[in-house]
C-alpha cells in the first residue's frame, strides 16, 4: 500500500520499497491506488472475506476511478 501511494505521488521523500514495480497510469489517483493495493493484500490474506471487500472498495473509490474499473 505504501508503494502504491509513493508511486502515484512521486515524492523524493517517499522512496519505494520495491523499485521494480510498474509505473502508475498517468493521472492515477493516490486514493484509488491505495484502495486497490489494500484490496489485493486483504483478498490474499483473507480470501473468505472477498464478498465483504468488494462493496467496501467501491465505496472508497473516488467517482472518477469507478468509471475506469
N, C-alpha and C. Protein backbone atom coordinates (compact mmCIF):
# COMPACT_ATOMS: atom_id res chain seq x y z
N UNK A 1 0.83 -1.17 0.00
CA UNK A 1 0.00 0.00 0.00
C UNK A 1 0.88 1.25 0.00
N UNK A 2 1.99 1.17 0.73
CA UNK A 2 2.93 2.30 0.73
C UNK A 2 3.46 2.55 -0.68
N UNK A 3 3.91 1.50 -1.34
CA UNK A 3 4.46 1.67 -2.69
C UNK A 3 3.41 2.16 -3.67
N UNK A 4 2.17 1.75 -3.49
CA UNK A 4 1.10 2.24 -4.36
C UNK A 4 0.96 3.76 -4.20
N UNK A 5 0.97 4.21 -2.96
CA UNK A 5 0.87 5.65 -2.70
C UNK A 5 2.11 6.39 -3.20
N UNK A 6 3.27 5.89 -2.83
CA UNK A 6 4.53 6.56 -3.20
C UNK A 6 4.69 6.62 -4.71
N UNK A 7 4.24 5.59 -5.41
CA UNK A 7 4.36 5.59 -6.86
C UNK A 7 3.51 6.65 -7.53
N UNK A 8 2.38 6.96 -6.94
CA UNK A 8 1.47 7.95 -7.53
C UNK A 8 1.90 9.37 -7.18
N UNK A 9 2.28 9.60 -5.92
CA UNK A 9 2.60 10.98 -5.52
C UNK A 9 3.99 11.42 -5.97
N UNK A 10 4.87 10.47 -6.25
CA UNK A 10 6.22 10.76 -6.76
C UNK A 10 6.93 11.84 -5.94
N UNK A 11 7.05 11.57 -4.65
CA UNK A 11 7.74 12.47 -3.73
C UNK A 11 9.10 11.83 -3.41
N UNK A 12 10.18 12.56 -3.60
CA UNK A 12 11.51 12.01 -3.36
C UNK A 12 11.72 11.62 -1.89
N UNK A 13 10.91 12.14 -1.00
CA UNK A 13 10.99 11.76 0.41
C UNK A 13 10.33 10.41 0.68
N UNK A 14 9.67 9.84 -0.34
CA UNK A 14 8.98 8.55 -0.21
C UNK A 14 9.57 7.55 -1.20
N UNK A 15 10.79 7.07 -0.95
CA UNK A 15 11.38 6.11 -1.89
C UNK A 15 10.62 4.78 -1.84
N UNK A 16 10.50 4.11 -2.97
CA UNK A 16 9.76 2.84 -2.98
C UNK A 16 10.54 1.73 -2.27
N UNK A 17 9.81 0.79 -1.68
CA UNK A 17 10.43 -0.41 -1.12
C UNK A 17 10.77 -1.37 -2.25
N UNK A 18 9.91 -1.44 -3.24
CA UNK A 18 10.09 -2.34 -4.38
C UNK A 18 10.21 -1.50 -5.66
N UNK A 19 11.41 -1.08 -6.02
CA UNK A 19 11.56 -0.17 -7.16
C UNK A 19 11.22 -0.79 -8.52
N UNK A 20 11.11 -2.11 -8.62
CA UNK A 20 10.82 -2.75 -9.90
C UNK A 20 9.32 -2.79 -10.23
N UNK A 21 8.48 -2.20 -9.41
CA UNK A 21 7.04 -2.19 -9.70
C UNK A 21 6.75 -1.33 -10.92
N UNK A 22 5.70 -1.67 -11.67
CA UNK A 22 5.36 -0.86 -12.84
C UNK A 22 4.91 0.55 -12.44
N UNK A 23 5.10 1.48 -13.32
CA UNK A 23 4.69 2.86 -13.08
C UNK A 23 3.17 2.97 -13.14
N UNK A 24 2.58 3.82 -12.31
CA UNK A 24 1.12 4.02 -12.37
C UNK A 24 0.72 4.72 -13.66
N UNK A 25 -0.52 4.55 -14.02
CA UNK A 25 -1.06 5.21 -15.22
C UNK A 25 -1.05 6.72 -15.01
N UNK A 26 -0.85 7.48 -16.08
CA UNK A 26 -0.91 8.95 -15.95
C UNK A 26 -2.26 9.38 -15.37
N UNK A 27 -2.21 10.28 -14.42
CA UNK A 27 -3.43 10.78 -13.79
C UNK A 27 -4.02 9.86 -12.74
N UNK A 28 -3.27 8.83 -12.36
CA UNK A 28 -3.77 7.88 -11.35
C UNK A 28 -4.02 8.59 -10.03
N UNK A 29 -5.03 8.15 -9.33
CA UNK A 29 -5.41 8.70 -8.04
C UNK A 29 -4.69 7.95 -6.92
N UNK A 30 -4.10 8.68 -5.98
CA UNK A 30 -3.45 8.04 -4.84
C UNK A 30 -4.46 7.24 -4.02
N UNK A 31 -5.66 7.77 -3.85
CA UNK A 31 -6.69 7.06 -3.08
C UNK A 31 -7.06 5.75 -3.77
N UNK A 32 -7.20 5.77 -5.07
CA UNK A 32 -7.55 4.56 -5.80
C UNK A 32 -6.41 3.55 -5.77
N UNK A 33 -5.18 4.04 -5.88
CA UNK A 33 -4.02 3.14 -5.84
C UNK A 33 -3.93 2.43 -4.49
N UNK A 34 -4.11 3.18 -3.42
CA UNK A 34 -4.04 2.58 -2.08
C UNK A 34 -5.21 1.63 -1.85
N UNK A 35 -6.40 2.02 -2.29
CA UNK A 35 -7.58 1.16 -2.14
C UNK A 35 -7.39 -0.15 -2.89
N UNK A 36 -6.88 -0.09 -4.09
CA UNK A 36 -6.66 -1.30 -4.88
C UNK A 36 -5.58 -2.18 -4.25
N UNK A 37 -4.52 -1.55 -3.76
CA UNK A 37 -3.46 -2.31 -3.10
C UNK A 37 -3.97 -2.97 -1.82
N UNK A 38 -4.78 -2.25 -1.07
CA UNK A 38 -5.35 -2.82 0.16
C UNK A 38 -6.26 -3.99 -0.18
N UNK A 39 -7.06 -3.84 -1.23
CA UNK A 39 -7.95 -4.92 -1.64
C UNK A 39 -7.15 -6.16 -2.04
N UNK A 40 -6.10 -5.98 -2.82
CA UNK A 40 -5.27 -7.11 -3.24
C UNK A 40 -4.63 -7.79 -2.04
N UNK A 41 -4.13 -7.00 -1.10
CA UNK A 41 -3.49 -7.55 0.09
C UNK A 41 -4.48 -8.31 0.96
N UNK A 42 -5.61 -7.67 1.26
CA UNK A 42 -6.61 -8.30 2.12
C UNK A 42 -7.24 -9.53 1.47
N UNK A 43 -7.46 -9.49 0.17
CA UNK A 43 -8.02 -10.65 -0.54
C UNK A 43 -7.08 -11.84 -0.46
N UNK A 44 -5.80 -11.56 -0.54
CA UNK A 44 -4.81 -12.62 -0.45
C UNK A 44 -4.73 -13.20 0.96
N UNK A 45 -4.78 -12.32 1.95
CA UNK A 45 -4.67 -12.77 3.35
C UNK A 45 -5.97 -13.37 3.89
N UNK A 46 -7.11 -12.86 3.42
CA UNK A 46 -8.41 -13.29 3.94
C UNK A 46 -9.38 -13.59 2.80
N UNK A 47 -9.13 -14.65 2.03
CA UNK A 47 -9.98 -14.92 0.86
C UNK A 47 -11.45 -15.15 1.21
N UNK A 48 -11.74 -15.60 2.40
CA UNK A 48 -13.14 -15.83 2.78
C UNK A 48 -13.91 -14.53 2.95
N UNK A 49 -13.22 -13.41 3.02
CA UNK A 49 -13.87 -12.11 3.22
C UNK A 49 -14.06 -11.33 1.92
N UNK A 50 -13.82 -11.96 0.77
CA UNK A 50 -13.91 -11.28 -0.52
C UNK A 50 -15.27 -10.61 -0.73
N UNK A 51 -16.35 -11.26 -0.33
CA UNK A 51 -17.68 -10.68 -0.52
C UNK A 51 -17.84 -9.37 0.25
N UNK A 52 -17.16 -9.24 1.37
CA UNK A 52 -17.20 -8.00 2.16
C UNK A 52 -16.31 -6.93 1.54
N UNK A 53 -15.18 -7.33 0.99
CA UNK A 53 -14.20 -6.37 0.50
C UNK A 53 -14.65 -5.63 -0.75
N UNK A 54 -15.27 -6.31 -1.69
CA UNK A 54 -15.63 -5.69 -2.97
C UNK A 54 -16.57 -4.50 -2.79
N UNK A 55 -17.70 -4.64 -2.09
CA UNK A 55 -18.59 -3.47 -1.95
C UNK A 55 -17.92 -2.31 -1.21
N UNK A 56 -17.10 -2.62 -0.24
CA UNK A 56 -16.44 -1.56 0.52
C UNK A 56 -15.35 -0.88 -0.29
N UNK A 57 -14.71 -1.60 -1.19
CA UNK A 57 -13.74 -0.98 -2.08
C UNK A 57 -14.44 0.03 -2.99
N UNK A 58 -15.62 -0.31 -3.47
CA UNK A 58 -16.37 0.59 -4.34
C UNK A 58 -16.78 1.86 -3.60
N UNK A 59 -17.08 1.76 -2.33
CA UNK A 59 -17.44 2.93 -1.53
C UNK A 59 -16.24 3.87 -1.41
N UNK A 60 -15.05 3.31 -1.25
CA UNK A 60 -13.86 4.12 -1.02
C UNK A 60 -13.27 4.73 -2.28
N UNK A 61 -13.59 4.18 -3.45
CA UNK A 61 -13.03 4.68 -4.71
C UNK A 61 -13.61 6.05 -5.05
N UNK A 62 -12.75 6.96 -5.48
CA UNK A 62 -13.28 8.23 -5.99
C UNK A 62 -14.15 7.97 -7.22
N UNK A 63 -15.15 8.78 -7.45
CA UNK A 63 -16.10 8.58 -8.55
C UNK A 63 -15.43 8.46 -9.90
N UNK A 64 -14.41 9.28 -10.17
CA UNK A 64 -13.78 9.23 -11.48
C UNK A 64 -13.06 7.91 -11.72
N UNK A 65 -12.61 7.25 -10.66
CA UNK A 65 -11.91 5.98 -10.81
C UNK A 65 -12.89 4.82 -10.99
N UNK A 66 -14.10 4.93 -10.45
CA UNK A 66 -15.10 3.87 -10.61
C UNK A 66 -15.44 3.67 -12.08
N UNK A 67 -15.43 4.76 -12.84
CA UNK A 67 -15.78 4.68 -14.25
C UNK A 67 -14.74 3.89 -15.03
N UNK A 68 -13.49 3.93 -14.59
CA UNK A 68 -12.40 3.24 -15.28
C UNK A 68 -12.45 1.76 -15.02
N UNK A 69 -12.92 1.38 -13.85
CA UNK A 69 -12.91 -0.02 -13.46
C UNK A 69 -13.96 -0.76 -14.15
